[in-house]
Amino acid sequence: MREIVNRKARHDYEILETYEAGLELKGSEVKSIRMGSANLKDSYAEIKNGEIWVNNFHISPYKFASAHTNHDPYRKKKLLLHKYQIRRLIGKVKEKGLTLIPLKVYSKNGKIKMELALAKGKKLFDKRKDIKERDLTREAERELARFK
């Protein structure tokens, strides 16, 4: 299984902390993720009643499952974290106005895991600054390679 990455997250958000969480999934969802048929674009996590749920995480229907055993592609998925981690995240999200963003989904010891980030939204000038820094380091590396 190749990992499914939310590439836009690092562009739009400043990542402060990351957590590894398990996912509560149905069988057809697991098989579909193992085939690489999932998309994290525009997905986010929210806290409801002391539980963390992922919204807009699209998992394509498994093509070999029958119609009645297949799943809804956009259903909310529950994240499995320790209670102390959930309490800590609740405090940070309420207190500082931070967001929970899924970064990637991968397989670990046969289980499907999600890397969840506590993030702060970037402003437009921050994004421009990051692009400028990336371009400058790229130019410097080209110059160094030219002299070798």
N, C-alpha and C. Protein backbone atom coordinates (compact mmCIF):
# COMPACT_ATOMS: atom_id res chain seq x y z
N MET A 1 0.84 -1.19 0.00
CA MET A 1 0.00 0.00 0.00
C MET A 1 0.88 1.24 0.00
N ARG A 2 0.60 2.15 -0.89
CA ARG A 2 1.32 3.41 -0.86
C ARG A 2 0.55 4.38 0.02
N GLU A 3 1.26 5.32 0.61
CA GLU A 3 0.57 6.24 1.51
C GLU A 3 -0.17 7.32 0.73
N ILE A 4 -1.27 7.79 1.29
CA ILE A 4 -2.09 8.82 0.69
C ILE A 4 -1.76 10.12 1.42
N VAL A 5 -1.30 11.13 0.68
CA VAL A 5 -0.78 12.35 1.28
C VAL A 5 -1.64 13.54 0.92
N ASN A 6 -1.86 14.42 1.89
CA ASN A 6 -2.55 15.68 1.68
C ASN A 6 -1.47 16.74 1.40
N ARG A 7 -1.11 16.90 0.13
CA ARG A 7 0.01 17.77 -0.23
C ARG A 7 -0.32 19.24 -0.03
N LYS A 8 -1.57 19.58 -0.12
CA LYS A 8 -1.96 20.98 0.01
C LYS A 8 -1.91 21.48 1.46
N ALA A 9 -1.95 20.55 2.41
CA ALA A 9 -1.99 20.92 3.83
C ALA A 9 -0.75 21.71 4.24
N ARG A 10 0.42 21.27 3.84
CA ARG A 10 1.66 21.96 4.23
C ARG A 10 1.78 23.31 3.53
N HIS A 11 1.09 23.49 2.42
CA HIS A 11 1.09 24.78 1.73
C HIS A 11 0.15 25.77 2.42
N ASP A 12 -1.01 25.29 2.86
CA ASP A 12 -2.03 26.17 3.42
C ASP A 12 -1.93 26.36 4.93
N TYR A 13 -1.21 25.46 5.63
CA TYR A 13 -1.17 25.51 7.09
C TYR A 13 0.26 25.42 7.60
N GLU A 14 0.47 26.04 8.75
CA GLU A 14 1.73 25.90 9.48
C GLU A 14 1.53 24.77 10.48
N ILE A 15 2.27 23.70 10.34
CA ILE A 15 2.11 22.51 11.17
C ILE A 15 2.83 22.71 12.51
N LEU A 16 2.09 22.59 13.61
CA LEU A 16 2.67 22.78 14.94
C LEU A 16 3.01 21.45 15.61
N GLU A 17 2.09 20.50 15.58
CA GLU A 17 2.30 19.18 16.19
C GLU A 17 1.64 18.13 15.31
N THR A 18 2.17 16.90 15.38
CA THR A 18 1.53 15.80 14.65
C THR A 18 1.22 14.65 15.61
N TYR A 19 0.17 13.92 15.30
CA TYR A 19 -0.27 12.78 16.09
C TYR A 19 -0.55 11.62 15.14
N GLU A 20 -0.33 10.41 15.62
CA GLU A 20 -0.69 9.21 14.87
C GLU A 20 -1.98 8.67 15.46
N ALA A 21 -2.98 8.49 14.61
CA ALA A 21 -4.28 8.02 15.08
C ALA A 21 -4.74 6.83 14.25
N GLY A 22 -5.46 5.94 14.88
CA GLY A 22 -6.09 4.84 14.16
C GLY A 22 -7.39 5.32 13.56
N LEU A 23 -7.92 4.59 12.61
CA LEU A 23 -9.18 4.94 11.96
C LEU A 23 -10.18 3.82 12.16
N GLU A 24 -11.41 4.18 12.47
CA GLU A 24 -12.48 3.19 12.57
C GLU A 24 -13.12 3.09 11.18
N LEU A 25 -12.85 1.98 10.49
CA LEU A 25 -13.29 1.83 9.10
C LEU A 25 -14.10 0.56 8.90
N LYS A 26 -14.84 0.53 7.80
CA LYS A 26 -15.54 -0.68 7.38
C LYS A 26 -14.61 -1.49 6.48
N GLY A 27 -14.92 -2.74 6.27
CA GLY A 27 -14.06 -3.63 5.48
C GLY A 27 -13.82 -3.16 4.07
N SER A 28 -14.88 -2.68 3.41
CA SER A 28 -14.73 -2.22 2.03
C SER A 28 -13.87 -0.95 1.97
N GLU A 29 -13.90 -0.13 3.04
CA GLU A 29 -13.08 1.07 3.08
C GLU A 29 -11.60 0.70 3.20
N VAL A 30 -11.29 -0.29 4.04
CA VAL A 30 -9.91 -0.74 4.21
C VAL A 30 -9.37 -1.26 2.89
N LYS A 31 -10.15 -2.08 2.19
CA LYS A 31 -9.70 -2.64 0.92
C LYS A 31 -9.49 -1.54 -0.12
N SER A 32 -10.36 -0.55 -0.13
CA SER A 32 -10.25 0.55 -1.06
C SER A 32 -9.00 1.40 -0.76
N ILE A 33 -8.72 1.64 0.51
CA ILE A 33 -7.52 2.40 0.89
C ILE A 33 -6.27 1.64 0.50
N ARG A 34 -6.26 0.33 0.70
CA ARG A 34 -5.09 -0.48 0.32
C ARG A 34 -4.84 -0.44 -1.18
N MET A 35 -5.89 -0.23 -1.95
CA MET A 35 -5.73 -0.10 -3.40
C MET A 35 -5.30 1.32 -3.78
N GLY A 36 -5.31 2.24 -2.81
CA GLY A 36 -4.90 3.63 -3.06
C GLY A 36 -6.02 4.51 -3.56
N SER A 37 -7.27 4.11 -3.35
CA SER A 37 -8.41 4.87 -3.85
C SER A 37 -9.00 5.76 -2.77
N ALA A 38 -8.20 6.69 -2.28
CA ALA A 38 -8.67 7.63 -1.27
C ALA A 38 -8.07 9.00 -1.54
N ASN A 39 -8.71 10.04 -1.00
CA ASN A 39 -8.28 11.40 -1.25
C ASN A 39 -8.46 12.24 0.01
N LEU A 40 -7.39 12.89 0.46
CA LEU A 40 -7.44 13.72 1.67
C LEU A 40 -7.67 15.20 1.37
N LYS A 41 -7.79 15.56 0.11
CA LYS A 41 -7.95 16.96 -0.25
C LYS A 41 -9.20 17.54 0.41
N ASP A 42 -9.07 18.70 1.01
CA ASP A 42 -10.17 19.42 1.68
C ASP A 42 -10.72 18.69 2.90
N SER A 43 -10.00 17.72 3.43
CA SER A 43 -10.49 17.03 4.62
C SER A 43 -10.01 17.75 5.88
N TYR A 44 -10.78 17.60 6.93
CA TYR A 44 -10.45 18.21 8.22
C TYR A 44 -11.04 17.36 9.33
N ALA A 45 -10.55 17.58 10.54
CA ALA A 45 -11.07 16.83 11.69
C ALA A 45 -11.78 17.80 12.62
N GLU A 46 -12.80 17.28 13.29
CA GLU A 46 -13.53 18.10 14.26
C GLU A 46 -13.78 17.27 15.52
N ILE A 47 -13.98 17.98 16.62
CA ILE A 47 -14.20 17.32 17.90
C ILE A 47 -15.67 17.44 18.26
N LYS A 48 -16.32 16.29 18.50
CA LYS A 48 -17.72 16.27 18.91
C LYS A 48 -17.88 15.28 20.06
N ASN A 49 -18.43 15.73 21.15
CA ASN A 49 -18.71 14.89 22.32
C ASN A 49 -17.49 14.10 22.79
N GLY A 50 -16.34 14.75 22.81
CA GLY A 50 -15.12 14.10 23.29
C GLY A 50 -14.54 13.08 22.34
N GLU A 51 -14.97 13.08 21.07
CA GLU A 51 -14.45 12.18 20.05
C GLU A 51 -13.99 13.02 18.87
N ILE A 52 -13.03 12.50 18.13
CA ILE A 52 -12.52 13.22 16.96
C ILE A 52 -12.99 12.51 15.70
N TRP A 53 -13.59 13.28 14.79
CA TRP A 53 -14.15 12.75 13.55
C TRP A 53 -13.50 13.43 12.37
N VAL A 54 -13.26 12.68 11.30
CA VAL A 54 -12.70 13.24 10.07
C VAL A 54 -13.82 13.43 9.06
N ASN A 55 -13.89 14.63 8.50
CA ASN A 55 -14.89 14.98 7.49
C ASN A 55 -14.22 15.17 6.13
N ASN A 56 -14.98 14.97 5.07
CA ASN A 56 -14.53 15.15 3.69
C ASN A 56 -13.35 14.27 3.29
N PHE A 57 -13.13 13.18 3.98
CA PHE A 57 -12.10 12.21 3.61
C PHE A 57 -12.77 11.23 2.65
N HIS A 58 -12.46 11.37 1.37
CA HIS A 58 -13.12 10.58 0.34
C HIS A 58 -12.42 9.24 0.15
N ILE A 59 -13.16 8.16 0.36
CA ILE A 59 -12.68 6.82 0.07
C ILE A 59 -13.62 6.26 -1.00
N SER A 60 -13.07 6.01 -2.17
CA SER A 60 -13.88 5.51 -3.29
C SER A 60 -14.50 4.17 -2.94
N PRO A 61 -15.71 3.90 -3.43
CA PRO A 61 -16.33 2.59 -3.18
C PRO A 61 -15.45 1.47 -3.74
N TYR A 62 -15.38 0.37 -3.02
CA TYR A 62 -14.59 -0.78 -3.43
C TYR A 62 -15.30 -1.46 -4.59
N LYS A 63 -14.63 -1.56 -5.72
CA LYS A 63 -15.31 -2.03 -6.93
C LYS A 63 -15.70 -3.51 -6.91
N PHE A 64 -15.09 -4.32 -6.02
CA PHE A 64 -15.43 -5.74 -5.97
C PHE A 64 -16.47 -6.06 -4.89
N ALA A 65 -16.94 -5.04 -4.15
CA ALA A 65 -17.96 -5.27 -3.13
C ALA A 65 -19.35 -5.13 -3.75
N SER A 66 -20.31 -5.79 -3.15
CA SER A 66 -21.68 -5.67 -3.67
C SER A 66 -22.28 -4.34 -3.22
N ALA A 67 -23.39 -3.98 -3.82
CA ALA A 67 -24.00 -2.67 -3.56
C ALA A 67 -24.42 -2.49 -2.10
N HIS A 68 -24.91 -3.54 -1.45
CA HIS A 68 -25.40 -3.38 -0.08
C HIS A 68 -24.28 -3.48 0.97
N THR A 69 -23.10 -4.00 0.61
CA THR A 69 -21.99 -4.06 1.57
C THR A 69 -21.00 -2.92 1.39
N ASN A 70 -21.17 -2.12 0.34
CA ASN A 70 -20.25 -1.02 0.11
C ASN A 70 -20.58 0.15 1.03
N HIS A 71 -19.73 1.16 1.04
CA HIS A 71 -19.84 2.27 1.98
C HIS A 71 -20.12 3.58 1.25
N ASP A 72 -20.55 4.59 2.02
CA ASP A 72 -20.72 5.94 1.51
C ASP A 72 -19.33 6.58 1.43
N PRO A 73 -18.92 7.10 0.27
CA PRO A 73 -17.55 7.62 0.13
C PRO A 73 -17.20 8.76 1.09
N TYR A 74 -18.18 9.59 1.46
CA TYR A 74 -17.89 10.75 2.29
C TYR A 74 -18.36 10.62 3.73
N ARG A 75 -18.65 9.41 4.20
CA ARG A 75 -19.14 9.28 5.57
C ARG A 75 -18.06 9.73 6.56
N LYS A 76 -18.49 10.21 7.73
CA LYS A 76 -17.53 10.65 8.76
C LYS A 76 -16.85 9.42 9.35
N LYS A 77 -15.53 9.55 9.54
CA LYS A 77 -14.76 8.44 10.12
C LYS A 77 -14.24 8.86 11.49
N LYS A 78 -14.34 7.95 12.45
CA LYS A 78 -13.91 8.24 13.81
C LYS A 78 -12.41 7.96 13.94
N LEU A 79 -11.70 8.87 14.59
CA LEU A 79 -10.27 8.68 14.84
C LEU A 79 -10.09 8.07 16.23
N LEU A 80 -9.14 7.17 16.34
CA LEU A 80 -8.88 6.48 17.60
C LEU A 80 -7.59 7.03 18.21
N LEU A 81 -7.75 7.79 19.29
CA LEU A 81 -6.62 8.36 20.03
C LEU A 81 -6.80 8.07 21.51
N HIS A 82 -5.72 8.22 22.26
CA HIS A 82 -5.82 8.07 23.71
C HIS A 82 -6.62 9.24 24.28
N LYS A 83 -7.28 9.00 25.41
CA LYS A 83 -8.13 10.01 26.03
C LYS A 83 -7.34 11.28 26.37
N TYR A 84 -6.10 11.11 26.88
CA TYR A 84 -5.30 12.28 27.25
C TYR A 84 -4.91 13.09 26.01
N GLN A 85 -4.72 12.42 24.86
CA GLN A 85 -4.42 13.15 23.63
C GLN A 85 -5.63 13.94 23.16
N ILE A 86 -6.81 13.34 23.27
CA ILE A 86 -8.03 14.03 22.87
C ILE A 86 -8.27 15.25 23.75
N ARG A 87 -8.08 15.09 25.07
CA ARG A 87 -8.26 16.23 26.00
C ARG A 87 -7.30 17.36 25.66
N ARG A 88 -6.06 17.01 25.34
CA ARG A 88 -5.05 18.01 25.00
C ARG A 88 -5.44 18.74 23.72
N LEU A 89 -5.90 17.99 22.73
CA LEU A 89 -6.32 18.60 21.46
C LEU A 89 -7.53 19.51 21.64
N ILE A 90 -8.48 19.09 22.48
CA ILE A 90 -9.67 19.91 22.74
C ILE A 90 -9.23 21.26 23.30
N GLY A 91 -8.32 21.23 24.28
CA GLY A 91 -7.83 22.47 24.89
C GLY A 91 -7.13 23.37 23.90
N LYS A 92 -6.29 22.81 23.06
CA LYS A 92 -5.54 23.62 22.10
C LYS A 92 -6.44 24.22 21.02
N VAL A 93 -7.40 23.42 20.55
CA VAL A 93 -8.29 23.91 19.49
C VAL A 93 -9.18 25.03 20.01
N LYS A 94 -9.72 24.89 21.22
CA LYS A 94 -10.59 25.92 21.79
C LYS A 94 -9.80 27.17 22.17
N GLU A 95 -8.67 26.96 22.82
CA GLU A 95 -7.89 28.07 23.37
C GLU A 95 -7.24 28.94 22.30
N LYS A 96 -6.56 28.34 21.36
CA LYS A 96 -5.76 29.10 20.41
C LYS A 96 -6.37 29.21 19.02
N GLY A 97 -7.51 28.59 18.81
CA GLY A 97 -8.14 28.67 17.49
C GLY A 97 -7.37 27.92 16.42
N LEU A 98 -6.79 26.79 16.78
CA LEU A 98 -6.05 25.98 15.82
C LEU A 98 -6.99 24.97 15.15
N THR A 99 -6.52 24.33 14.09
CA THR A 99 -7.33 23.37 13.34
C THR A 99 -6.66 22.00 13.34
N LEU A 100 -7.44 20.97 13.14
CA LEU A 100 -6.93 19.61 13.01
C LEU A 100 -7.02 19.21 11.54
N ILE A 101 -5.86 18.91 10.95
CA ILE A 101 -5.80 18.60 9.52
C ILE A 101 -5.13 17.23 9.32
N PRO A 102 -5.76 16.32 8.56
CA PRO A 102 -5.10 15.05 8.22
C PRO A 102 -3.98 15.29 7.21
N LEU A 103 -2.78 14.76 7.50
CA LEU A 103 -1.65 14.92 6.60
C LEU A 103 -1.47 13.73 5.67
N LYS A 104 -1.55 12.52 6.24
CA LYS A 104 -1.40 11.33 5.39
C LYS A 104 -2.06 10.12 6.02
N VAL A 105 -2.36 9.14 5.19
CA VAL A 105 -2.93 7.87 5.61
C VAL A 105 -1.98 6.79 5.13
N TYR A 106 -1.65 5.86 6.02
CA TYR A 106 -0.69 4.81 5.68
C TYR A 106 -1.00 3.55 6.47
N SER A 107 -0.31 2.48 6.12
CA SER A 107 -0.49 1.20 6.79
C SER A 107 0.69 0.94 7.71
N LYS A 108 0.42 0.49 8.94
CA LYS A 108 1.46 0.19 9.91
C LYS A 108 1.07 -1.10 10.62
N ASN A 109 1.88 -2.13 10.47
CA ASN A 109 1.61 -3.44 11.07
C ASN A 109 0.21 -3.97 10.70
N GLY A 110 -0.20 -3.74 9.46
CA GLY A 110 -1.49 -4.23 8.99
C GLY A 110 -2.67 -3.36 9.36
N LYS A 111 -2.46 -2.30 10.10
CA LYS A 111 -3.54 -1.39 10.51
C LYS A 111 -3.43 -0.10 9.69
N ILE A 112 -4.57 0.52 9.42
CA ILE A 112 -4.60 1.78 8.70
C ILE A 112 -4.49 2.91 9.73
N LYS A 113 -3.49 3.78 9.54
CA LYS A 113 -3.24 4.89 10.47
C LYS A 113 -3.34 6.21 9.71
N MET A 114 -3.61 7.28 10.47
CA MET A 114 -3.68 8.61 9.90
C MET A 114 -2.76 9.52 10.70
N GLU A 115 -1.96 10.32 9.99
CA GLU A 115 -1.15 11.33 10.65
C GLU A 115 -1.99 12.60 10.70
N LEU A 116 -2.28 13.05 11.90
CA LEU A 116 -3.14 14.20 12.14
C LEU A 116 -2.27 15.35 12.64
N ALA A 117 -2.49 16.56 12.13
CA ALA A 117 -1.68 17.71 12.51
C ALA A 117 -2.52 18.77 13.20
N LEU A 118 -1.94 19.34 14.23
CA LEU A 118 -2.50 20.53 14.86
C LEU A 118 -1.87 21.68 14.10
N ALA A 119 -2.70 22.47 13.40
CA ALA A 119 -2.16 23.44 12.46
C ALA A 119 -2.80 24.81 12.62
N LYS A 120 -2.07 25.79 12.12
CA LYS A 120 -2.52 27.18 12.13
C LYS A 120 -2.54 27.65 10.68
N GLY A 121 -3.62 28.25 10.25
CA GLY A 121 -3.75 28.68 8.86
C GLY A 121 -2.73 29.74 8.49
N LYS A 122 -2.17 29.61 7.27
CA LYS A 122 -1.20 30.60 6.79
C LYS A 122 -1.93 31.74 6.09
N LYS A 123 -1.37 32.90 6.21
CA LYS A 123 -1.85 34.05 5.45
C LYS A 123 -1.19 34.03 4.07
N LEU A 124 -1.69 34.84 3.15
CA LEU A 124 -1.17 34.86 1.79
C LEU A 124 0.31 35.25 1.75
N PHE A 125 0.70 36.23 2.58
CA PHE A 125 2.10 36.66 2.55
C PHE A 125 3.03 35.58 3.09
N ASP A 126 2.54 34.75 4.02
CA ASP A 126 3.35 33.62 4.51
C ASP A 126 3.60 32.62 3.39
N LYS A 127 2.57 32.36 2.58
CA LYS A 127 2.71 31.42 1.47
C LYS A 127 3.73 31.95 0.46
N ARG A 128 3.65 33.26 0.18
CA ARG A 128 4.59 33.87 -0.76
C ARG A 128 6.02 33.78 -0.24
N LYS A 129 6.18 34.01 1.06
CA LYS A 129 7.51 33.94 1.68
C LYS A 129 8.09 32.53 1.56
N ASP A 130 7.27 31.52 1.80
CA ASP A 130 7.72 30.13 1.67
C ASP A 130 8.15 29.81 0.25
N ILE A 131 7.38 30.28 -0.72
CA ILE A 131 7.72 30.03 -2.13
C ILE A 131 9.04 30.71 -2.49
N LYS A 132 9.22 31.93 -1.99
CA LYS A 132 10.45 32.67 -2.27
C LYS A 132 11.67 31.96 -1.67
N GLU A 133 11.53 31.50 -0.42
CA GLU A 133 12.64 30.78 0.23
C GLU A 133 12.97 29.49 -0.52
N ARG A 134 11.95 28.78 -0.96
CA ARG A 134 12.16 27.53 -1.70
C ARG A 134 12.89 27.80 -3.02
N ASP A 135 12.49 28.88 -3.71
CA ASP A 135 13.15 29.23 -4.97
C ASP A 135 14.61 29.62 -4.74
N LEU A 136 14.90 30.36 -3.67
CA LEU A 136 16.27 30.77 -3.38
C LEU A 136 17.16 29.57 -3.06
N THR A 137 16.65 28.62 -2.27
CA THR A 137 17.46 27.43 -1.96
C THR A 137 17.68 26.59 -3.22
N ARG A 138 16.69 26.53 -4.09
CA ARG A 138 16.82 25.78 -5.34
C ARG A 138 17.91 26.40 -6.23
N GLU A 139 17.92 27.75 -6.31
CA GLU A 139 18.94 28.44 -7.10
C GLU A 139 20.33 28.22 -6.52
N ALA A 140 20.44 28.28 -5.19
CA ALA A 140 21.73 28.07 -4.55
C ALA A 140 22.26 26.66 -4.81
N GLU A 141 21.38 25.68 -4.76
CA GLU A 141 21.78 24.30 -5.04
C GLU A 141 22.23 24.13 -6.48
N ARG A 142 21.57 24.82 -7.41
CA ARG A 142 21.97 24.77 -8.82
C ARG A 142 23.37 25.34 -9.01
N GLU A 143 23.63 26.49 -8.35
CA GLU A 143 24.94 27.13 -8.44
C GLU A 143 26.03 26.21 -7.88
N LEU A 144 25.76 25.59 -6.74
CA LEU A 144 26.74 24.68 -6.14
C LEU A 144 26.98 23.48 -7.05
N ALA A 145 25.96 22.97 -7.66
CA ALA A 145 26.10 21.81 -8.55
C ALA A 145 26.89 22.19 -9.81
N ARG A 146 26.77 23.41 -10.23
CA ARG A 146 27.48 23.87 -11.43
C ARG A 146 28.99 23.89 -11.21
N PHE A 147 29.42 24.21 -9.99
CA PHE A 147 30.85 24.30 -9.69
C PHE A 147 31.48 22.98 -9.32
N LYS A 148 30.71 21.94 -9.18
CA LYS A 148 31.27 20.62 -8.80
C LYS A 148 31.83 19.88 -9.97
